[in-house]
Amino acid sequence: MKVHRAVTLVAMMVLSVLLLGLMMIGAVGSFDGRSLIALIVVVAAAAAGGIGFSWKRYYRR
């Protein structure tokens, strides 16, 4: 089961980087400075949530 999760996570990361690259060159929609700031905020919030969830679940003492 852990391998399945790892493969899914890596696939999502690769797809997100590819989509970001396409957005940067203008091939997909409009992407400006405000979009980049919104993306950074969302990624930071997701990372904080993931760290909080992992900490609470795996490192509870």
Protein backbone atom coordinates (compact mmCIF):
# COMPACT_ATOMS: atom_id res chain seq x y z
CA MET A 1 0.00 0.00 0.00
CA LYS A 2 2.86 2.41 0.74
CA VAL A 3 4.25 1.91 -2.78
CA HIS A 4 0.87 2.83 -4.28
CA ARG A 5 0.78 6.04 -2.26
CA ALA A 6 4.33 6.93 -3.23
CA VAL A 7 3.69 6.32 -6.94
CA THR A 8 0.51 8.41 -6.81
CA LEU A 9 2.32 11.26 -5.04
CA VAL A 10 5.21 11.25 -7.52
CA ALA A 11 2.79 11.18 -10.48
CA MET A 12 0.86 14.14 -9.07
CA MET A 13 4.08 16.08 -8.48
CA VAL A 14 5.31 15.45 -12.03
CA LEU A 15 1.96 16.44 -13.54
CA SER A 16 1.82 19.62 -11.47
CA VAL A 17 5.32 20.65 -12.53
CA LEU A 18 4.44 19.99 -16.19
CA LEU A 19 1.23 22.01 -15.88
CA LEU A 20 3.12 24.85 -14.21
CA GLY A 21 5.63 24.81 -17.07
CA LEU A 22 2.84 24.94 -19.65
CA MET A 23 1.20 27.81 -17.80
CA MET A 24 4.48 29.73 -17.65
CA ILE A 25 5.00 29.56 -21.42
CA GLY A 26 1.39 30.58 -22.00
CA ALA A 27 0.17 27.35 -23.57
CA VAL A 28 -2.61 26.89 -21.01
CA GLY A 29 -4.79 29.83 -20.00
CA SER A 30 -3.50 33.12 -18.66
CA PHE A 31 -0.84 33.08 -15.97
CA ASP A 32 0.36 36.31 -14.41
CA GLY A 33 1.93 37.51 -11.19
CA ARG A 34 -1.30 37.28 -9.20
CA SER A 35 -1.76 33.67 -10.31
CA LEU A 36 1.76 32.85 -9.18
CA ILE A 37 1.16 34.43 -5.78
CA ALA A 38 -2.11 32.50 -5.41
CA LEU A 39 -0.32 29.29 -6.38
CA ILE A 40 2.42 29.88 -3.81
CA VAL A 41 -0.18 30.59 -1.09
CA VAL A 42 -2.11 27.40 -1.91
CA VAL A 43 1.05 25.27 -2.01
CA ALA A 44 2.25 26.72 1.31
CA ALA A 45 -1.15 26.08 2.93
CA ALA A 46 -1.21 22.51 1.59
CA ALA A 47 2.33 21.89 2.84
CA ALA A 48 1.47 23.27 6.29
CA GLY A 49 -1.65 21.13 6.42
CA GLY A 50 0.26 18.04 5.34
CA ILE A 51 2.98 18.62 7.91
CA GLY A 52 0.37 19.23 10.62
CA PHE A 53 -1.53 16.09 9.71
CA SER A 54 1.62 13.97 9.60
CA TRP A 55 2.91 15.39 12.85
CA LYS A 56 -0.38 14.76 14.62
CA ARG A 57 -0.72 11.25 13.24
CA TYR A 58 2.81 9.86 13.35
CA TYR A 59 4.66 11.83 16.03
CA ARG A 60 2.08 11.98 18.80
CA ARG A 61 3.69 11.42 22.19
